[in-house]
N, C-alpha and C. Protein backbone atom coordinates (compact mmCIF):
# COMPACT_ATOMS: atom_id res chain seq x y z
N MET A 1 -0.96 46.74 -44.68
CA MET A 1 -1.51 45.57 -45.33
C MET A 1 -2.04 44.62 -44.26
N THR A 2 -3.14 43.99 -44.55
CA THR A 2 -3.69 42.97 -43.68
C THR A 2 -3.59 41.64 -44.41
N LYS A 3 -3.05 40.62 -43.72
CA LYS A 3 -2.85 39.31 -44.34
C LYS A 3 -3.61 38.25 -43.56
N CYS A 4 -3.98 37.19 -44.25
CA CYS A 4 -4.59 36.03 -43.62
C CYS A 4 -3.52 35.31 -42.80
N THR A 5 -3.86 34.89 -41.58
CA THR A 5 -2.87 34.22 -40.73
C THR A 5 -2.63 32.78 -41.16
N LYS A 6 -3.53 32.20 -41.93
CA LYS A 6 -3.37 30.81 -42.33
C LYS A 6 -2.63 30.64 -43.65
N CYS A 7 -2.97 31.47 -44.64
CA CYS A 7 -2.38 31.27 -45.97
C CYS A 7 -1.49 32.43 -46.41
N ASP A 8 -1.35 33.47 -45.60
CA ASP A 8 -0.54 34.65 -45.92
C ASP A 8 -1.02 35.40 -47.15
N LYS A 9 -2.27 35.21 -47.54
CA LYS A 9 -2.83 35.94 -48.67
C LYS A 9 -3.19 37.35 -48.20
N PHE A 10 -2.89 38.35 -49.02
CA PHE A 10 -3.23 39.72 -48.67
C PHE A 10 -4.74 39.90 -48.73
N LEU A 11 -5.32 40.39 -47.64
CA LEU A 11 -6.76 40.59 -47.58
C LEU A 11 -7.16 42.01 -47.93
N LYS A 12 -6.42 42.97 -47.39
CA LYS A 12 -6.82 44.35 -47.61
C LYS A 12 -5.59 45.24 -47.48
N SER A 13 -5.57 46.24 -48.32
CA SER A 13 -4.53 47.25 -48.25
C SER A 13 -5.19 48.55 -47.80
N HIS A 14 -4.74 49.09 -46.69
CA HIS A 14 -5.33 50.33 -46.19
C HIS A 14 -4.64 51.51 -46.85
N LYS A 15 -5.44 52.40 -47.41
CA LYS A 15 -4.89 53.54 -48.13
C LYS A 15 -5.56 54.81 -47.65
N HIS A 16 -5.05 55.92 -48.11
CA HIS A 16 -5.60 57.21 -47.72
C HIS A 16 -7.07 57.33 -48.09
N ARG A 17 -7.47 56.71 -49.17
CA ARG A 17 -8.87 56.83 -49.58
C ARG A 17 -9.82 56.08 -48.64
N ASP A 18 -9.28 55.20 -47.77
CA ASP A 18 -10.12 54.50 -46.80
C ASP A 18 -10.62 55.44 -45.71
N VAL A 19 -9.98 56.58 -45.57
CA VAL A 19 -10.31 57.51 -44.50
C VAL A 19 -10.65 58.86 -45.10
N ASN A 20 -11.78 59.43 -44.70
CA ASN A 20 -12.14 60.77 -45.12
C ASN A 20 -11.48 61.73 -44.14
N LEU A 21 -10.39 62.35 -44.55
CA LEU A 21 -9.60 63.20 -43.65
C LEU A 21 -10.39 64.39 -43.14
N SER A 22 -11.37 64.86 -43.90
CA SER A 22 -12.15 66.02 -43.44
C SER A 22 -13.06 65.66 -42.26
N GLU A 23 -13.35 64.35 -42.07
CA GLU A 23 -14.20 63.94 -40.96
C GLU A 23 -13.42 63.67 -39.68
N LEU A 24 -12.10 63.62 -39.75
CA LEU A 24 -11.30 63.36 -38.56
C LEU A 24 -11.35 64.55 -37.62
N LYS A 25 -11.55 64.26 -36.34
CA LYS A 25 -11.54 65.33 -35.36
C LYS A 25 -10.11 65.79 -35.18
N SER A 26 -9.95 67.08 -35.07
CA SER A 26 -8.61 67.63 -34.98
C SER A 26 -8.63 68.86 -34.10
N LYS A 27 -7.45 69.25 -33.66
CA LYS A 27 -7.32 70.55 -33.00
C LYS A 27 -7.67 71.61 -34.05
N ASN A 28 -7.99 72.76 -33.64
CA ASN A 28 -8.36 73.82 -34.58
C ASN A 28 -7.21 74.08 -35.55
N LEU A 29 -7.30 73.46 -36.71
CA LEU A 29 -6.22 73.58 -37.69
C LEU A 29 -6.15 74.97 -38.30
N ASN A 30 -7.21 75.72 -38.18
CA ASN A 30 -7.24 77.05 -38.79
C ASN A 30 -6.70 78.14 -37.88
N GLU A 31 -6.33 77.81 -36.66
CA GLU A 31 -5.89 78.82 -35.70
C GLU A 31 -4.37 78.90 -35.60
N GLY A 32 -3.73 79.39 -36.59
CA GLY A 32 -2.32 79.74 -36.51
C GLY A 32 -1.31 78.60 -36.62
N PHE A 33 -1.71 77.41 -36.93
CA PHE A 33 -0.73 76.34 -37.11
C PHE A 33 -0.01 76.56 -38.44
N GLU A 34 1.26 76.26 -38.42
CA GLU A 34 2.02 76.30 -39.67
C GLU A 34 1.65 75.09 -40.52
N TYR A 35 2.02 75.12 -41.77
CA TYR A 35 1.70 74.04 -42.70
C TYR A 35 2.19 72.69 -42.20
N HIS A 36 3.44 72.60 -41.73
CA HIS A 36 4.00 71.32 -41.30
C HIS A 36 3.33 70.82 -40.03
N ASP A 37 2.94 71.72 -39.16
CA ASP A 37 2.21 71.31 -37.97
C ASP A 37 0.85 70.71 -38.34
N LYS A 38 0.18 71.34 -39.30
CA LYS A 38 -1.10 70.82 -39.78
C LYS A 38 -0.91 69.44 -40.40
N LEU A 39 0.11 69.33 -41.22
CA LEU A 39 0.38 68.07 -41.90
C LEU A 39 0.69 66.97 -40.89
N ASN A 40 1.52 67.26 -39.89
CA ASN A 40 1.84 66.27 -38.87
C ASN A 40 0.61 65.85 -38.07
N GLU A 41 -0.25 66.80 -37.79
CA GLU A 41 -1.49 66.50 -37.06
C GLU A 41 -2.39 65.56 -37.86
N VAL A 42 -2.54 65.85 -39.15
CA VAL A 42 -3.38 65.01 -40.01
C VAL A 42 -2.76 63.62 -40.16
N ARG A 43 -1.44 63.55 -40.30
CA ARG A 43 -0.76 62.24 -40.39
C ARG A 43 -0.97 61.42 -39.13
N PHE A 44 -0.88 62.06 -37.97
CA PHE A 44 -1.08 61.37 -36.70
C PHE A 44 -2.50 60.84 -36.61
N LEU A 45 -3.48 61.66 -36.95
CA LEU A 45 -4.88 61.23 -36.90
C LEU A 45 -5.15 60.11 -37.90
N PHE A 46 -4.51 60.19 -39.07
CA PHE A 46 -4.66 59.14 -40.08
C PHE A 46 -4.08 57.83 -39.56
N ALA A 47 -2.91 57.89 -38.93
CA ALA A 47 -2.28 56.68 -38.38
C ALA A 47 -3.16 56.06 -37.30
N GLN A 48 -3.79 56.88 -36.47
CA GLN A 48 -4.70 56.35 -35.45
C GLN A 48 -5.89 55.64 -36.09
N LYS A 49 -6.43 56.23 -37.15
CA LYS A 49 -7.58 55.64 -37.83
C LYS A 49 -7.19 54.30 -38.48
N ILE A 50 -6.02 54.24 -39.11
CA ILE A 50 -5.55 52.99 -39.72
C ILE A 50 -5.33 51.93 -38.66
N LYS A 51 -4.77 52.31 -37.53
CA LYS A 51 -4.55 51.37 -36.43
C LYS A 51 -5.89 50.79 -35.96
N LYS A 52 -6.90 51.64 -35.86
CA LYS A 52 -8.23 51.19 -35.46
C LYS A 52 -8.82 50.24 -36.50
N LEU A 53 -8.66 50.55 -37.78
CA LEU A 53 -9.17 49.67 -38.84
C LEU A 53 -8.49 48.30 -38.81
N ARG A 54 -7.18 48.29 -38.57
CA ARG A 54 -6.45 47.02 -38.51
C ARG A 54 -6.89 46.19 -37.31
N LEU A 55 -7.12 46.84 -36.17
CA LEU A 55 -7.58 46.14 -34.99
C LEU A 55 -8.97 45.55 -35.23
N GLU A 56 -9.85 46.29 -35.88
CA GLU A 56 -11.18 45.76 -36.20
C GLU A 56 -11.08 44.56 -37.13
N GLN A 57 -10.14 44.60 -38.09
CA GLN A 57 -9.93 43.46 -38.99
C GLN A 57 -9.46 42.24 -38.22
N LYS A 58 -8.54 42.44 -37.27
CA LYS A 58 -8.05 41.33 -36.45
C LYS A 58 -9.19 40.72 -35.64
N LYS A 59 -10.05 41.56 -35.10
CA LYS A 59 -11.14 41.07 -34.27
C LYS A 59 -12.17 40.30 -35.10
N ARG A 60 -12.35 40.68 -36.37
CA ARG A 60 -13.29 39.98 -37.24
C ARG A 60 -12.76 38.61 -37.64
N THR A 61 -11.45 38.43 -37.62
CA THR A 61 -10.86 37.15 -37.99
C THR A 61 -10.44 36.42 -36.72
N ASN A 62 -9.91 35.26 -36.88
CA ASN A 62 -9.44 34.45 -35.76
C ASN A 62 -8.10 34.94 -35.25
N GLU A 63 -7.46 35.83 -36.00
CA GLU A 63 -6.12 36.30 -35.66
C GLU A 63 -6.09 36.91 -34.26
N TRP A 64 -7.15 37.61 -33.88
CA TRP A 64 -7.19 38.29 -32.58
C TRP A 64 -7.09 37.28 -31.44
N SER A 65 -7.90 36.23 -31.46
CA SER A 65 -7.92 35.28 -30.35
C SER A 65 -6.63 34.48 -30.29
N ILE A 66 -6.07 34.12 -31.43
CA ILE A 66 -4.81 33.37 -31.45
C ILE A 66 -3.68 34.22 -30.89
N GLN A 67 -3.62 35.47 -31.30
CA GLN A 67 -2.57 36.36 -30.83
C GLN A 67 -2.69 36.59 -29.32
N GLN A 68 -3.90 36.82 -28.83
CA GLN A 68 -4.11 37.04 -27.41
C GLN A 68 -3.70 35.78 -26.62
N TRP A 69 -4.09 34.60 -27.10
CA TRP A 69 -3.73 33.36 -26.41
C TRP A 69 -2.21 33.19 -26.37
N TYR A 70 -1.54 33.45 -27.50
CA TYR A 70 -0.10 33.25 -27.58
C TYR A 70 0.64 34.16 -26.59
N TYR A 71 0.27 35.43 -26.53
CA TYR A 71 0.93 36.33 -25.59
C TYR A 71 0.66 35.91 -24.15
N GLY A 72 -0.52 35.41 -23.88
CA GLY A 72 -0.82 34.88 -22.54
C GLY A 72 0.03 33.66 -22.23
N TYR A 73 0.20 32.79 -23.23
CA TYR A 73 1.02 31.59 -23.05
C TYR A 73 2.46 31.95 -22.73
N LEU A 74 3.00 32.98 -23.40
CA LEU A 74 4.37 33.39 -23.14
C LEU A 74 4.56 33.94 -21.73
N GLU A 75 3.49 34.35 -21.08
CA GLU A 75 3.56 34.84 -19.70
C GLU A 75 3.29 33.74 -18.68
N SER A 76 2.95 32.53 -19.13
CA SER A 76 2.56 31.45 -18.23
C SER A 76 3.77 30.81 -17.55
N ASN A 77 3.50 30.11 -16.44
CA ASN A 77 4.55 29.39 -15.72
C ASN A 77 5.09 28.23 -16.54
N ILE A 78 4.23 27.60 -17.33
CA ILE A 78 4.66 26.47 -18.16
C ILE A 78 5.75 26.93 -19.12
N TRP A 79 5.53 28.04 -19.83
CA TRP A 79 6.53 28.55 -20.77
C TRP A 79 7.78 29.01 -20.02
N ARG A 80 7.59 29.66 -18.89
CA ARG A 80 8.73 30.16 -18.11
C ARG A 80 9.65 29.00 -17.71
N LYS A 81 9.06 27.87 -17.30
CA LYS A 81 9.87 26.70 -16.91
C LYS A 81 10.60 26.12 -18.12
N LYS A 82 9.92 26.02 -19.27
CA LYS A 82 10.56 25.52 -20.49
C LYS A 82 11.69 26.46 -20.93
N ARG A 83 11.43 27.74 -20.85
CA ARG A 83 12.42 28.74 -21.23
C ARG A 83 13.66 28.64 -20.34
N ASP A 84 13.44 28.58 -19.03
CA ASP A 84 14.57 28.48 -18.10
C ASP A 84 15.36 27.20 -18.32
N TRP A 85 14.66 26.09 -18.60
CA TRP A 85 15.33 24.81 -18.82
C TRP A 85 16.24 24.90 -20.05
N ILE A 86 15.71 25.47 -21.13
CA ILE A 86 16.49 25.60 -22.37
C ILE A 86 17.69 26.53 -22.15
N LEU A 87 17.46 27.67 -21.51
CA LEU A 87 18.56 28.60 -21.27
C LEU A 87 19.66 27.97 -20.42
N ASN A 88 19.28 27.24 -19.38
CA ASN A 88 20.28 26.55 -18.55
C ASN A 88 21.02 25.48 -19.35
N LYS A 89 20.27 24.73 -20.16
CA LYS A 89 20.88 23.68 -20.98
C LYS A 89 21.92 24.26 -21.94
N MET A 90 21.61 25.43 -22.52
CA MET A 90 22.51 26.05 -23.48
C MET A 90 23.50 27.00 -22.80
N ASP A 91 23.52 27.02 -21.47
CA ASP A 91 24.42 27.87 -20.69
C ASP A 91 24.26 29.34 -21.07
N TYR A 92 23.01 29.74 -21.31
CA TYR A 92 22.65 31.12 -21.64
C TYR A 92 23.44 31.66 -22.84
N LYS A 93 23.70 30.80 -23.81
CA LYS A 93 24.42 31.22 -25.02
C LYS A 93 23.54 30.97 -26.24
N CYS A 94 23.63 31.89 -27.19
CA CYS A 94 22.88 31.78 -28.44
C CYS A 94 23.44 30.63 -29.27
N GLU A 95 22.54 29.83 -29.85
CA GLU A 95 22.98 28.71 -30.69
C GLU A 95 23.63 29.19 -31.99
N ARG A 96 23.28 30.39 -32.45
CA ARG A 96 23.83 30.89 -33.71
C ARG A 96 25.17 31.57 -33.53
N CYS A 97 25.22 32.58 -32.63
CA CYS A 97 26.42 33.41 -32.56
C CYS A 97 27.27 33.16 -31.32
N GLY A 98 26.74 32.48 -30.31
CA GLY A 98 27.51 32.18 -29.10
C GLY A 98 27.51 33.28 -28.06
N LYS A 99 26.86 34.41 -28.35
CA LYS A 99 26.78 35.49 -27.37
C LYS A 99 25.72 35.15 -26.32
N LYS A 100 25.67 35.98 -25.27
CA LYS A 100 24.72 35.75 -24.19
C LYS A 100 23.29 35.81 -24.72
N ALA A 101 22.48 34.82 -24.38
CA ALA A 101 21.10 34.73 -24.84
C ALA A 101 20.15 35.15 -23.72
N LEU A 102 19.17 35.95 -24.06
CA LEU A 102 18.16 36.38 -23.10
C LEU A 102 16.78 35.84 -23.46
N TYR A 103 16.62 35.41 -24.71
CA TYR A 103 15.31 34.99 -25.19
C TYR A 103 15.38 33.59 -25.77
N VAL A 104 14.24 32.92 -25.75
CA VAL A 104 14.08 31.62 -26.38
C VAL A 104 13.01 31.79 -27.44
N HIS A 105 13.29 31.33 -28.66
CA HIS A 105 12.34 31.47 -29.76
C HIS A 105 11.87 30.10 -30.21
N HIS A 106 10.68 30.06 -30.74
CA HIS A 106 10.16 28.83 -31.32
C HIS A 106 10.79 28.64 -32.69
N LYS A 107 11.24 27.43 -32.99
CA LYS A 107 11.73 27.14 -34.33
C LYS A 107 10.56 26.96 -35.28
N THR A 108 9.47 26.39 -34.78
CA THR A 108 8.25 26.24 -35.54
C THR A 108 7.08 26.48 -34.59
N TYR A 109 5.99 26.95 -35.12
CA TYR A 109 4.82 27.23 -34.29
C TYR A 109 3.78 26.12 -34.39
N ASP A 110 4.17 24.98 -34.98
CA ASP A 110 3.24 23.86 -35.14
C ASP A 110 2.82 23.25 -33.81
N ARG A 111 3.74 23.25 -32.83
CA ARG A 111 3.47 22.59 -31.55
C ARG A 111 3.46 23.57 -30.37
N VAL A 112 3.05 24.81 -30.60
CA VAL A 112 3.06 25.80 -29.52
C VAL A 112 2.17 25.32 -28.40
N GLY A 113 2.73 25.29 -27.21
CA GLY A 113 2.03 24.78 -26.04
C GLY A 113 2.38 23.33 -25.76
N TYR A 114 2.86 22.63 -26.77
CA TYR A 114 3.26 21.22 -26.63
C TYR A 114 4.65 21.02 -27.22
N GLU A 115 5.55 21.93 -26.94
CA GLU A 115 6.87 21.91 -27.55
C GLU A 115 7.69 20.71 -27.07
N ASN A 116 8.48 20.19 -27.98
CA ASN A 116 9.48 19.19 -27.60
C ASN A 116 10.72 19.92 -27.11
N PRO A 117 11.39 19.39 -26.10
CA PRO A 117 12.61 20.09 -25.64
C PRO A 117 13.67 20.07 -26.73
């Protein structure tokens, strides 16, 4: 399923009919493969095609640029300093369960890049 990043409305459901399986390039399916091997090969090729369709949908929408920016932000020195500050403040313990914490999560994404401590 593909959803809008702003309103969470479903935009498109990818189904088997979206892909013409006979047009997918494949290893020679007629040369001695058993039924399950053929089926697994077609499933793998179908999954690759669906992945490509979803990526194209992301690129057509703003979702692609926002996602790329966010992952870049998580690798930045600014986030690393905020993360380390929070982990030190909480003594590397999870606020929920008290076990050792390795990650810091956003409570809300409204102020990403301008988070309040």
